[in-house]
Amino acid sequence: MATPIASPCRNLCALDRDRAACTGCGRTIEEIVHWRSMTDVQRAAVMARVRDFAPPSSPPARRTAP
């Protein structure tokens, strides 16, 4: 039995409301919710779409006044 395709989750989960996708991995909410029930073909299609997705850089840390 083949190993299922692993999730592209990077544990940087946050919703980008404009794109309706996770800012960490690029998947839509529907793709995240249904990941476990997807076929390998469906997962491969998602992986191809998010393969080059790069999460936004972290904003610089805020400095507080001394």
C-alpha atoms as a PDB file:
ATOM      1  CA  MET A   1       0.000   0.000   0.000  1.00  0.00           C
ATOM      2  CA  ALA A   2       1.387   3.406  -0.980  1.00  0.00           C
ATOM      3  CA  THR A   3       1.945   6.095   1.605  1.00  0.00           C
ATOM      4  CA  PRO A   4      -0.626   8.888   1.285  1.00  0.00           C
ATOM      5  CA  ILE A   5       0.613  12.296   0.195  1.00  0.00           C
ATOM      6  CA  ALA A   6       1.588  14.331   3.245  1.00  0.00           C
ATOM      7  CA  SER A   7      -0.114  17.608   4.029  1.00  0.00           C
ATOM      8  CA  PRO A   8       1.688  20.791   2.949  1.00  0.00           C
ATOM      9  CA  CYS A   9       0.864  22.342   6.334  1.00  0.00           C
ATOM     10  CA  ARG A  10       3.771  24.330   7.787  1.00  0.00           C
ATOM     11  CA  ASN A  11       2.094  25.086  11.121  1.00  0.00           C
ATOM     12  CA  LEU A  12       1.881  28.772  10.172  1.00  0.00           C
ATOM     13  CA  CYS A  13      -1.891  28.725   9.976  1.00  0.00           C
ATOM     14  CA  ALA A  14      -3.776  31.963   9.435  1.00  0.00           C
ATOM     15  CA  LEU A  15      -6.588  32.832   7.065  1.00  0.00           C
ATOM     16  CA  ASP A  16      -6.056  35.384   4.316  1.00  0.00           C
ATOM     17  CA  ARG A  17      -9.622  36.583   3.852  1.00  0.00           C
ATOM     18  CA  ASP A  18      -8.891  38.246   0.500  1.00  0.00           C
ATOM     19  CA  ARG A  19      -7.715  34.974  -1.052  1.00  0.00           C
ATOM     20  CA  ALA A  20      -9.732  32.694   1.272  1.00  0.00           C
ATOM     21  CA  ALA A  21      -6.606  30.618   1.797  1.00  0.00           C
ATOM     22  CA  CYS A  22      -4.115  29.780   4.523  1.00  0.00           C
ATOM     23  CA  THR A  23      -1.152  32.160   4.630  1.00  0.00           C
ATOM     24  CA  GLY A  24       1.092  29.305   5.760  1.00  0.00           C
ATOM     25  CA  CYS A  25       0.494  26.681   3.065  1.00  0.00           C
ATOM     26  CA  GLY A  26      -1.732  28.316   0.444  1.00  0.00           C
ATOM     27  CA  ARG A  27      -4.565  25.803   0.658  1.00  0.00           C
ATOM     28  CA  THR A  28      -8.168  26.932   0.677  1.00  0.00           C
ATOM     29  CA  ILE A  29     -10.334  26.259   3.705  1.00  0.00           C
ATOM     30  CA  GLU A  30     -12.181  23.562   1.725  1.00  0.00           C
ATOM     31  CA  GLU A  31      -8.875  21.842   0.894  1.00  0.00           C
ATOM     32  CA  ILE A  32      -7.775  21.939   4.526  1.00  0.00           C
ATOM     33  CA  VAL A  33     -11.096  20.624   5.834  1.00  0.00           C
ATOM     34  CA  HIS A  34     -11.303  17.789   3.300  1.00  0.00           C
ATOM     35  CA  TRP A  35      -7.592  16.857   3.119  1.00  0.00           C
ATOM     36  CA  ARG A  36      -7.997  13.524   4.950  1.00  0.00           C
ATOM     37  CA  SER A  37     -10.850  12.397   2.713  1.00  0.00           C
ATOM     38  CA  MET A  38      -9.218  13.432  -0.580  1.00  0.00           C
ATOM     39  CA  THR A  39      -7.849  10.869  -2.981  1.00  0.00           C
ATOM     40  CA  ASP A  40      -4.158  10.874  -3.829  1.00  0.00           C
ATOM     41  CA  VAL A  41      -5.040  12.376  -7.220  1.00  0.00           C
ATOM     42  CA  GLN A  42      -6.879  15.243  -5.526  1.00  0.00           C
ATOM     43  CA  ARG A  43      -4.039  15.755  -3.031  1.00  0.00           C
ATOM     44  CA  ALA A  44      -1.473  15.745  -5.845  1.00  0.00           C
ATOM     45  CA  ALA A  45      -3.451  18.474  -7.620  1.00  0.00           C
ATOM     46  CA  VAL A  46      -3.449  20.610  -4.469  1.00  0.00           C
ATOM     47  CA  MET A  47       0.263  19.971  -3.946  1.00  0.00           C
ATOM     48  CA  ALA A  48       1.013  21.018  -7.542  1.00  0.00           C
ATOM     49  CA  ARG A  49      -0.899  24.265  -7.008  1.00  0.00           C
ATOM     50  CA  VAL A  50       0.789  25.156  -3.688  1.00  0.00           C
ATOM     51  CA  ARG A  51       4.244  23.752  -4.517  1.00  0.00           C
ATOM     52  CA  ASP A  52       5.824  27.180  -5.014  1.00  0.00           C
ATOM     53  CA  PHE A  53       3.706  28.951  -2.415  1.00  0.00           C
ATOM     54  CA  ALA A  54       5.843  31.028  -0.083  1.00  0.00           C
ATOM     55  CA  PRO A  55       4.365  32.282   3.162  1.00  0.00           C
ATOM     56  CA  PRO A  56       4.734  36.019   3.687  1.00  0.00           C
ATOM     57  CA  SER A  57       7.772  37.111   5.640  1.00  0.00           C
ATOM     58  CA  SER A  58       7.198  37.689   9.294  1.00  0.00           C
ATOM     59  CA  PRO A  59       6.788  41.339  10.134  1.00  0.00           C
ATOM     60  CA  PRO A  60       9.704  42.816  12.056  1.00  0.00           C
ATOM     61  CA  ALA A  61       9.383  42.596  15.802  1.00  0.00           C
ATOM     62  CA  ARG A  62       8.001  45.716  17.414  1.00  0.00           C
ATOM     63  CA  ARG A  63      10.385  47.631  19.543  1.00  0.00           C
ATOM     64  CA  THR A  64       9.124  49.030  22.760  1.00  0.00           C
ATOM     65  CA  ALA A  65      10.307  52.277  24.247  1.00  0.00           C
ATOM     66  CA  PRO A  66      12.897  51.873  27.002  1.00  0.00           C
END
